[in-house]
C-alpha atoms as a PDB file:
ATOM      1  CA  MET A   1      20.337  -9.913   0.380  1.00  0.00           C
ATOM      2  CA  LYS A   2      16.729  -8.830  -0.197  1.00  0.00           C
ATOM      3  CA  ARG A   3      14.275 -11.573  -1.140  1.00  0.00           C
ATOM      4  CA  VAL A   4      11.408 -11.168  -3.614  1.00  0.00           C
ATOM      5  CA  LEU A   5       8.636 -13.662  -4.434  1.00  0.00           C
ATOM      6  CA  ILE A   6       7.137 -13.607  -7.924  1.00  0.00           C
ATOM      7  CA  VAL A   7       3.696 -15.163  -8.317  1.00  0.00           C
ATOM      8  CA  GLU A   8       3.173 -15.321 -12.090  1.00  0.00           C
ATOM      9  CA  ASP A   9       1.778 -18.111 -14.256  1.00  0.00           C
ATOM     10  CA  ASP A  10       3.664 -17.075 -17.403  1.00  0.00           C
ATOM     11  CA  MET A  11       7.128 -18.591 -16.959  1.00  0.00           C
ATOM     12  CA  LEU A  12       8.740 -16.354 -19.562  1.00  0.00           C
ATOM     13  CA  ILE A  13       7.540 -13.209 -17.849  1.00  0.00           C
ATOM     14  CA  ALA A  14       8.459 -14.566 -14.424  1.00  0.00           C
ATOM     15  CA  GLU A  15      11.984 -15.429 -15.605  1.00  0.00           C
ATOM     16  CA  LEU A  16      12.434 -11.965 -17.171  1.00  0.00           C
ATOM     17  CA  GLU A  17      11.434 -10.322 -13.894  1.00  0.00           C
ATOM     18  CA  ARG A  18      13.701 -12.688 -11.975  1.00  0.00           C
ATOM     19  CA  ASP A  19      16.699 -12.063 -14.234  1.00  0.00           C
ATOM     20  CA  TYR A  20      16.449  -8.254 -13.822  1.00  0.00           C
ATOM     21  CA  LEU A  21      15.974  -8.473 -10.076  1.00  0.00           C
ATOM     22  CA  GLU A  22      18.849 -10.928  -9.650  1.00  0.00           C
ATOM     23  CA  ALA A  23      21.083  -8.658 -11.764  1.00  0.00           C
ATOM     24  CA  ASN A  24      20.331  -5.949  -9.200  1.00  0.00           C
ATOM     25  CA  GLY A  25      21.282  -8.113  -6.191  1.00  0.00           C
ATOM     26  CA  PHE A  26      17.937  -9.661  -5.219  1.00  0.00           C
ATOM     27  CA  GLU A  27      17.306 -13.249  -4.327  1.00  0.00           C
ATOM     28  CA  VAL A  28      14.162 -14.368  -6.169  1.00  0.00           C
ATOM     29  CA  ASP A  29      11.665 -17.213  -5.908  1.00  0.00           C
ATOM     30  CA  ILE A  30       8.945 -18.019  -8.458  1.00  0.00           C
ATOM     31  CA  GLU A  31       5.540 -19.634  -7.990  1.00  0.00           C
ATOM     32  CA  LEU A  32       3.276 -20.353 -10.953  1.00  0.00           C
ATOM     33  CA  ASP A  33       0.141 -21.264  -8.915  1.00  0.00           C
ATOM     34  CA  GLY A  34      -1.888 -18.754  -6.959  1.00  0.00           C
ATOM     35  CA  MET A  35      -2.564 -20.894  -3.887  1.00  0.00           C
ATOM     36  CA  LYS A  36       0.997 -22.152  -3.700  1.00  0.00           C
ATOM     37  CA  GLY A  37       2.209 -18.551  -4.065  1.00  0.00           C
ATOM     38  CA  GLN A  38      -0.055 -17.368  -1.236  1.00  0.00           C
ATOM     39  CA  ASN A  39       1.174 -20.160   1.098  1.00  0.00           C
ATOM     40  CA  LYS A  40       4.792 -19.412   0.269  1.00  0.00           C
ATOM     41  CA  ALA A  41       4.303 -15.661   0.902  1.00  0.00           C
ATOM     42  CA  LEU A  42       2.697 -16.367   4.282  1.00  0.00           C
ATOM     43  CA  GLN A  43       5.186 -19.008   5.415  1.00  0.00           C
ATOM     44  CA  THR A  44       8.401 -17.360   4.222  1.00  0.00           C
ATOM     45  CA  ASP A  45       9.885 -13.952   5.022  1.00  0.00           C
ATOM     46  CA  TYR A  46      10.109 -11.876   1.815  1.00  0.00           C
ATOM     47  CA  ASP A  47      10.985  -8.202   1.349  1.00  0.00           C
ATOM     48  CA  ALA A  48       8.530  -7.716  -1.521  1.00  0.00           C
ATOM     49  CA  LEU A  49       5.887  -9.628  -3.518  1.00  0.00           C
ATOM     50  CA  LEU A  50       5.238  -9.299  -7.281  1.00  0.00           C
ATOM     51  CA  LEU A  51       1.734 -10.576  -7.809  1.00  0.00           C
ATOM     52  CA  ASP A  52      -0.123 -11.291 -11.049  1.00  0.00           C
ATOM     53  CA  VAL A  53      -3.923 -11.028 -11.073  1.00  0.00           C
ATOM     54  CA  MET A  54      -5.021 -13.849 -13.353  1.00  0.00           C
ATOM     55  CA  LEU A  55      -3.601 -17.032 -11.733  1.00  0.00           C
ATOM     56  CA  PRO A  56      -4.527 -20.669 -11.532  1.00  0.00           C
ATOM     57  CA  GLY A  57      -5.581 -21.877  -8.112  1.00  0.00           C
ATOM     58  CA  LYS A  58      -6.423 -18.418  -6.678  1.00  0.00           C
ATOM     59  CA  ASN A  59      -6.558 -14.982  -8.224  1.00  0.00           C
ATOM     60  CA  GLY A  60      -4.212 -12.161  -7.240  1.00  0.00           C
ATOM     61  CA  PHE A  61      -6.941  -9.955  -5.711  1.00  0.00           C
ATOM     62  CA  ASP A  62      -7.882 -12.682  -3.209  1.00  0.00           C
ATOM     63  CA  ILE A  63      -4.216 -13.431  -2.512  1.00  0.00           C
ATOM     64  CA  CYS A  64      -3.506  -9.770  -1.822  1.00  0.00           C
ATOM     65  CA  ARG A  65      -6.460  -9.515   0.550  1.00  0.00           C
ATOM     66  CA  GLU A  66      -5.337 -12.607   2.504  1.00  0.00           C
ATOM     67  CA  ILE A  67      -1.636 -11.660   2.723  1.00  0.00           C
ATOM     68  CA  ARG A  68      -2.478  -8.097   3.869  1.00  0.00           C
ATOM     69  CA  LYS A  69      -4.332  -9.551   6.878  1.00  0.00           C
ATOM     70  CA  HIS A  70      -1.102 -11.038   8.161  1.00  0.00           C
ATOM     71  CA  LYS A  71       1.923  -9.210   6.656  1.00  0.00           C
ATOM     72  CA  LYS A  72       3.021  -5.677   5.887  1.00  0.00           C
ATOM     73  CA  LEU A  73       5.509  -6.486   3.068  1.00  0.00           C
ATOM     74  CA  PRO A  74       5.248  -4.372  -0.104  1.00  0.00           C
ATOM     75  CA  ILE A  75       2.880  -5.876  -2.697  1.00  0.00           C
ATOM     76  CA  ILE A  76       3.200  -4.838  -6.323  1.00  0.00           C
ATOM     77  CA  MET A  77       0.500  -6.189  -8.591  1.00  0.00           C
ATOM     78  CA  VAL A  78       1.727  -6.941 -12.153  1.00  0.00           C
ATOM     79  CA  THR A  79      -1.004  -7.695 -14.688  1.00  0.00           C
ATOM     80  CA  ALA A  80      -2.315  -7.324 -18.187  1.00  0.00           C
ATOM     81  CA  LYS A  81      -5.574  -5.868 -16.940  1.00  0.00           C
ATOM     82  CA  LYS A  82      -5.610  -2.206 -17.936  1.00  0.00           C
ATOM     83  CA  GLU A  83      -9.007  -1.041 -16.688  1.00  0.00           C
ATOM     84  CA  ASP A  84      -8.994   1.618 -13.955  1.00  0.00           C
ATOM     85  CA  ILE A  85     -11.463  -0.427 -11.902  1.00  0.00           C
ATOM     86  CA  ASP A  86      -8.929  -3.216 -11.648  1.00  0.00           C
ATOM     87  CA  LYS A  87      -6.211  -0.810 -10.477  1.00  0.00           C
ATOM     88  CA  ILE A  88      -8.541   0.700  -7.929  1.00  0.00           C
ATOM     89  CA  ARG A  89      -9.575  -2.744  -6.688  1.00  0.00           C
ATOM     90  CA  GLY A  90      -5.958  -3.853  -6.314  1.00  0.00           C
ATOM     91  CA  LEU A  91      -5.000  -0.722  -4.394  1.00  0.00           C
ATOM     92  CA  GLY A  92      -8.152  -0.949  -2.351  1.00  0.00           C
ATOM     93  CA  LEU A  93      -7.251  -4.412  -1.197  1.00  0.00           C
ATOM     94  CA  GLY A  94      -3.926  -3.201   0.109  1.00  0.00           C
ATOM     95  CA  ALA A  95      -1.470  -3.392  -2.788  1.00  0.00           C
ATOM     96  CA  ASP A  96       1.272  -0.781  -2.642  1.00  0.00           C
ATOM     97  CA  ASP A  97       1.621  -0.402  -6.386  1.00  0.00           C
ATOM     98  CA  TYR A  98       0.158  -1.612  -9.717  1.00  0.00           C
ATOM     99  CA  MET A  99       2.012  -2.198 -13.002  1.00  0.00           C
ATOM    100  CA  VAL A 100       0.384  -3.047 -16.341  1.00  0.00           C
ATOM    101  CA  LYS A 101       2.035  -5.363 -18.841  1.00  0.00           C
ATOM    102  CA  PRO A 102       4.007  -4.734 -20.980  1.00  0.00           C
ATOM    103  CA  PHE A 103       6.291  -2.761 -18.722  1.00  0.00           C
ATOM    104  CA  SER A 104       9.923  -1.778 -18.479  1.00  0.00           C
ATOM    105  CA  PRO A 105      11.869  -4.311 -16.401  1.00  0.00           C
ATOM    106  CA  ALA A 106      14.135  -1.471 -15.270  1.00  0.00           C
ATOM    107  CA  GLU A 107      11.065   0.442 -13.998  1.00  0.00           C
ATOM    108  CA  LEU A 108       9.901  -2.718 -12.158  1.00  0.00           C
ATOM    109  CA  VAL A 109      13.250  -3.012 -10.387  1.00  0.00           C
ATOM    110  CA  ALA A 110      13.123   0.685  -9.499  1.00  0.00           C
ATOM    111  CA  ARG A 111       9.707   0.327  -7.969  1.00  0.00           C
ATOM    112  CA  VAL A 112      10.685  -2.772  -5.993  1.00  0.00           C
ATOM    113  CA  LYS A 113      13.700  -0.930  -4.582  1.00  0.00           C
ATOM    114  CA  SER A 114      11.614   2.147  -3.730  1.00  0.00           C
ATOM    115  CA  HIS A 115       8.919   0.181  -1.866  1.00  0.00           C
ATOM    116  CA  ILE A 116      11.476  -1.924   0.033  1.00  0.00           C
ATOM    117  CA  ALA A 117      13.269   1.251   1.087  1.00  0.00           C
ATOM    118  CA  ILE A 118      10.051   2.833   2.340  1.00  0.00           C
ATOM    119  CA  HIS A 119       9.133  -0.325   4.194  1.00  0.00           C
ATOM    120  CA  LYS A 120      12.539  -0.446   5.858  1.00  0.00           C
ATOM    121  CA  LEU A 121      12.066   3.111   7.130  1.00  0.00           C
ATOM    122  CA  LEU A 122       8.788   2.025   8.752  1.00  0.00           C
ATOM    123  CA  LEU A 123      10.392  -1.009  10.434  1.00  0.00           C
ATOM    124  CA  ASP A 124      13.343   1.058  11.652  1.00  0.00           C
ATOM    125  CA  SER A 125      11.062   3.610  13.305  1.00  0.00           C
ATOM    126  CA  ASN A 126      10.812   2.434  16.924  1.00  0.00           C
ATOM    127  CA  GLU A 127       8.222   4.022  19.083  1.00  0.00           C
ATOM    128  CA  SER A 128       9.785   6.082  21.888  1.00  0.00           C
ATOM    129  CA  GLU A 129       8.257   6.428  25.328  1.00  0.00           C
ATOM    130  CA  GLU A 130       8.712  10.201  25.079  1.00  0.00           C
ATOM    131  CA  GLU A 131       7.110  10.443  21.677  1.00  0.00           C
ATOM    132  CA  GLN A 132       4.201  12.883  21.754  1.00  0.00           C
ATOM    133  CA  GLY A 133       1.331  11.532  19.714  1.00  0.00           C
ATOM    134  CA  MET A 134      -1.310  13.606  17.948  1.00  0.00           C
ATOM    135  CA  THR A 135      -4.653  12.811  19.543  1.00  0.00           C
ATOM    136  CA  PHE A 136      -8.042  13.588  18.092  1.00  0.00           C
ATOM    137  CA  GLN A 137     -10.844  12.303  20.308  1.00  0.00           C
ATOM    138  CA  ASN A 138     -10.392   8.491  20.178  1.00  0.00           C
ATOM    139  CA  LEU A 139      -7.715   8.552  17.456  1.00  0.00           C
ATOM    140  CA  THR A 140      -3.993   8.803  18.196  1.00  0.00           C
ATOM    141  CA  ILE A 141      -1.286   9.242  15.503  1.00  0.00           C
ATOM    142  CA  MET A 142       2.394   8.560  16.380  1.00  0.00           C
ATOM    143  CA  PRO A 143       4.356  10.310  13.604  1.00  0.00           C
ATOM    144  CA  LYS A 144       7.849   9.052  14.556  1.00  0.00           C
ATOM    145  CA  SER A 145       6.939   5.413  14.992  1.00  0.00           C
ATOM    146  CA  ARG A 146       4.289   5.667  12.273  1.00  0.00           C
ATOM    147  CA  ARG A 147       1.620   3.947  14.326  1.00  0.00           C
ATOM    148  CA  ILE A 148      -2.092   4.604  14.602  1.00  0.00           C
ATOM    149  CA  TYR A 149      -4.339   3.794  17.579  1.00  0.00           C
ATOM    150  CA  LEU A 150      -8.113   3.894  17.606  1.00  0.00           C
ATOM    151  CA  ASP A 151      -9.724   3.433  21.033  1.00  0.00           C
ATOM    152  CA  GLU A 152      -6.197   2.407  22.228  1.00  0.00           C
ATOM    153  CA  LYS A 153      -6.081  -0.468  19.699  1.00  0.00           C
ATOM    154  CA  GLU A 154      -3.472  -0.312  16.909  1.00  0.00           C
ATOM    155  CA  ILE A 155      -4.700   0.029  13.342  1.00  0.00           C
ATOM    156  CA  VAL A 156      -2.433  -1.282  10.629  1.00  0.00           C
ATOM    157  CA  LEU A 157      -1.967   1.103   7.667  1.00  0.00           C
ATOM    158  CA  VAL A 158       0.123   0.639   4.521  1.00  0.00           C
ATOM    159  CA  ASN A 159       2.609   3.321   3.614  1.00  0.00           C
ATOM    160  CA  ARG A 160       0.484   5.776   1.618  1.00  0.00           C
ATOM    161  CA  GLU A 161      -2.532   5.345   3.931  1.00  0.00           C
ATOM    162  CA  PHE A 162      -0.366   6.521   6.836  1.00  0.00           C
ATOM    163  CA  GLU A 163       1.141   9.369   4.853  1.00  0.00           C
ATOM    164  CA  LEU A 164      -2.333  10.560   3.789  1.00  0.00           C
ATOM    165  CA  LEU A 165      -3.756  10.379   7.321  1.00  0.00           C
ATOM    166  CA  LEU A 166      -0.750  12.235   8.735  1.00  0.00           C
ATOM    167  CA  PHE A 167      -1.046  14.966   6.118  1.00  0.00           C
ATOM    168  CA  PHE A 168      -4.715  15.405   6.979  1.00  0.00           C
ATOM    169  CA  ALA A 169      -3.947  15.519  10.735  1.00  0.00           C
ATOM    170  CA  GLU A 170      -1.151  18.072  10.290  1.00  0.00           C
ATOM    171  CA  ASN A 171      -3.553  20.300   8.288  1.00  0.00           C
ATOM    172  CA  PRO A 172      -6.895  20.060  10.142  1.00  0.00           C
ATOM    173  CA  ASN A 173     -10.076  21.763   8.921  1.00  0.00           C
ATOM    174  CA  ILE A 174      -8.535  22.685   5.546  1.00  0.00           C
ATOM    175  CA  VAL A 175     -10.221  21.485   2.392  1.00  0.00           C
ATOM    176  CA  PHE A 176      -7.830  19.816  -0.115  1.00  0.00           C
ATOM    177  CA  SER A 177      -8.811  18.756  -3.630  1.00  0.00           C
ATOM    178  CA  LYS A 178      -7.937  15.274  -4.825  1.00  0.00           C
ATOM    179  CA  ASP A 179      -5.296  16.775  -7.163  1.00  0.00           C
ATOM    180  CA  ILE A 180      -3.610  18.620  -4.291  1.00  0.00           C
ATOM    181  CA  LEU A 181      -3.679  15.533  -2.076  1.00  0.00           C
ATOM    182  CA  PHE A 182      -2.182  13.441  -4.833  1.00  0.00           C
ATOM    183  CA  GLU A 183       0.583  16.034  -5.373  1.00  0.00           C
ATOM    184  CA  ARG A 184       1.351  16.532  -1.644  1.00  0.00           C
ATOM    185  CA  VAL A 185       1.210  12.918  -0.516  1.00  0.00           C
ATOM    186  CA  TRP A 186       2.465  11.013  -3.568  1.00  0.00           C
ATOM    187  CA  GLY A 187       4.741  13.768  -4.829  1.00  0.00           C
ATOM    188  CA  MET A 188       7.618  13.094  -7.206  1.00  0.00           C
ATOM    189  CA  ASP A 189       7.080   9.335  -6.812  1.00  0.00           C
ATOM    190  CA  ALA A 190       3.519   9.614  -8.163  1.00  0.00           C
ATOM    191  CA  LEU A 191       2.718   7.027 -10.782  1.00  0.00           C
ATOM    192  CA  GLY A 192      -1.006   6.912 -11.423  1.00  0.00           C
ATOM    193  CA  ASP A 193      -3.965   9.307 -11.152  1.00  0.00           C
ATOM    194  CA  VAL A 194      -6.170  10.991  -8.605  1.00  0.00           C
ATOM    195  CA  ALA A 195      -8.441   7.936  -8.398  1.00  0.00           C
ATOM    196  CA  THR A 196      -5.713   6.612  -6.111  1.00  0.00           C
ATOM    197  CA  VAL A 197      -6.695   9.315  -3.569  1.00  0.00           C
ATOM    198  CA  ILE A 198     -10.307   8.161  -3.559  1.00  0.00           C
ATOM    199  CA  VAL A 199      -9.235   4.567  -2.936  1.00  0.00           C
ATOM    200  CA  HIS A 200      -6.953   5.488  -0.055  1.00  0.00           C
ATOM    201  CA  VAL A 201      -9.572   7.745   1.567  1.00  0.00           C
ATOM    202  CA  ASN A 202     -12.079   4.987   1.387  1.00  0.00           C
ATOM    203  CA  ARG A 203      -9.570   2.487   2.843  1.00  0.00           C
ATOM    204  CA  LEU A 204      -8.783   4.864   5.706  1.00  0.00           C
ATOM    205  CA  ARG A 205     -12.466   5.269   6.522  1.00  0.00           C
ATOM    206  CA  GLU A 206     -12.928   1.538   6.437  1.00  0.00           C
ATOM    207  CA  LYS A 207      -9.978   0.851   8.731  1.00  0.00           C
ATOM    208  CA  LEU A 208     -10.876   3.601  11.153  1.00  0.00           C
ATOM    209  CA  GLY A 209     -14.360   2.050  11.394  1.00  0.00           C
ATOM    210  CA  LYS A 210     -17.696   3.328  12.540  1.00  0.00           C
ATOM    211  CA  ASN A 211     -16.274   5.556  15.260  1.00  0.00           C
ATOM    212  CA  ALA A 212     -14.301   7.470  12.681  1.00  0.00           C
ATOM    213  CA  ARG A 213     -17.356   7.977  10.466  1.00  0.00           C
ATOM    214  CA  LYS A 214     -19.387   9.076  13.464  1.00  0.00           C
ATOM    215  CA  THR A 215     -16.801  11.743  14.435  1.00  0.00           C
ATOM    216  CA  GLN A 216     -16.298  12.625  10.749  1.00  0.00           C
ATOM    217  CA  PHE A 217     -12.489  12.748  10.822  1.00  0.00           C
ATOM    218  CA  ILE A 218     -12.232  12.667   7.015  1.00  0.00           C
ATOM    219  CA  GLU A 219     -15.106  14.683   5.665  1.00  0.00           C
ATOM    220  CA  THR A 220     -16.137  14.850   2.033  1.00  0.00           C
ATOM    221  CA  VAL A 221     -16.725  18.429   0.835  1.00  0.00           C
ATOM    222  CA  TRP A 222     -18.780  17.849  -2.271  1.00  0.00           C
ATOM    223  CA  GLY A 223     -17.292  19.465  -5.390  1.00  0.00           C
ATOM    224  CA  ALA A 224     -14.152  20.510  -3.506  1.00  0.00           C
ATOM    225  CA  GLY A 225     -12.370  17.567  -1.940  1.00  0.00           C
ATOM    226  CA  TYR A 226     -11.736  16.338   1.638  1.00  0.00           C
ATOM    227  CA  ARG A 227     -10.811  17.788   4.981  1.00  0.00           C
ATOM    228  CA  PHE A 228      -9.736  16.418   8.308  1.00  0.00           C
ATOM    229  CA  CYS A 229     -12.492  17.733  10.601  1.00  0.00           C
ATOM    230  CA  ILE A 230     -11.702  17.971  14.292  1.00  0.00           C
ATOM    231  CA  ASN A 231     -14.449  20.352  15.381  1.00  0.00           C
END
């Protein structure tokens, strides 16, 4: 049985989320305090985390940042904050998805199932000794095992970050607009807007570090979009 942790200070909302998830076969824990929720997420194995932003003890943004340092589980932020900047911040800190209250409980369950399924595919992908990686200078991408190495050190990417980098690497030196990238990488599962592309590009650049900026793997083409430059 899949386990989900809900960190939400409104007990009525938390219980509503729990009831729908339990009706769909999930085991659910609830924490009303941010710090307690963070500790529980770090100390216990969960398959997904539903995380509010405005919490007593510690806010959801800081919790997301801390958990992402140690775990790869899907994080879905659930909040009343509607501003785009808050969505961008949550995604930029490593959240996999962002839902704004009020929301459909059925949609919440669908998103939880989707992210857990994607995460399982990542875990089930074992790196083979015969796997041929895609190497660009000091960057190596292993498509089958979904792993990234920079200067022979593994870089941890969340699902969409990997998909975006792989798409770039499979289509080098071609300029793609943000709209096209959003359509190709997020596809039919897309729930959001092209600002998500900007967030993920920035996150990739940050994770790939100074070497990546120096070699200009992901180059901004002003007024047009981005390209994966290997020349």
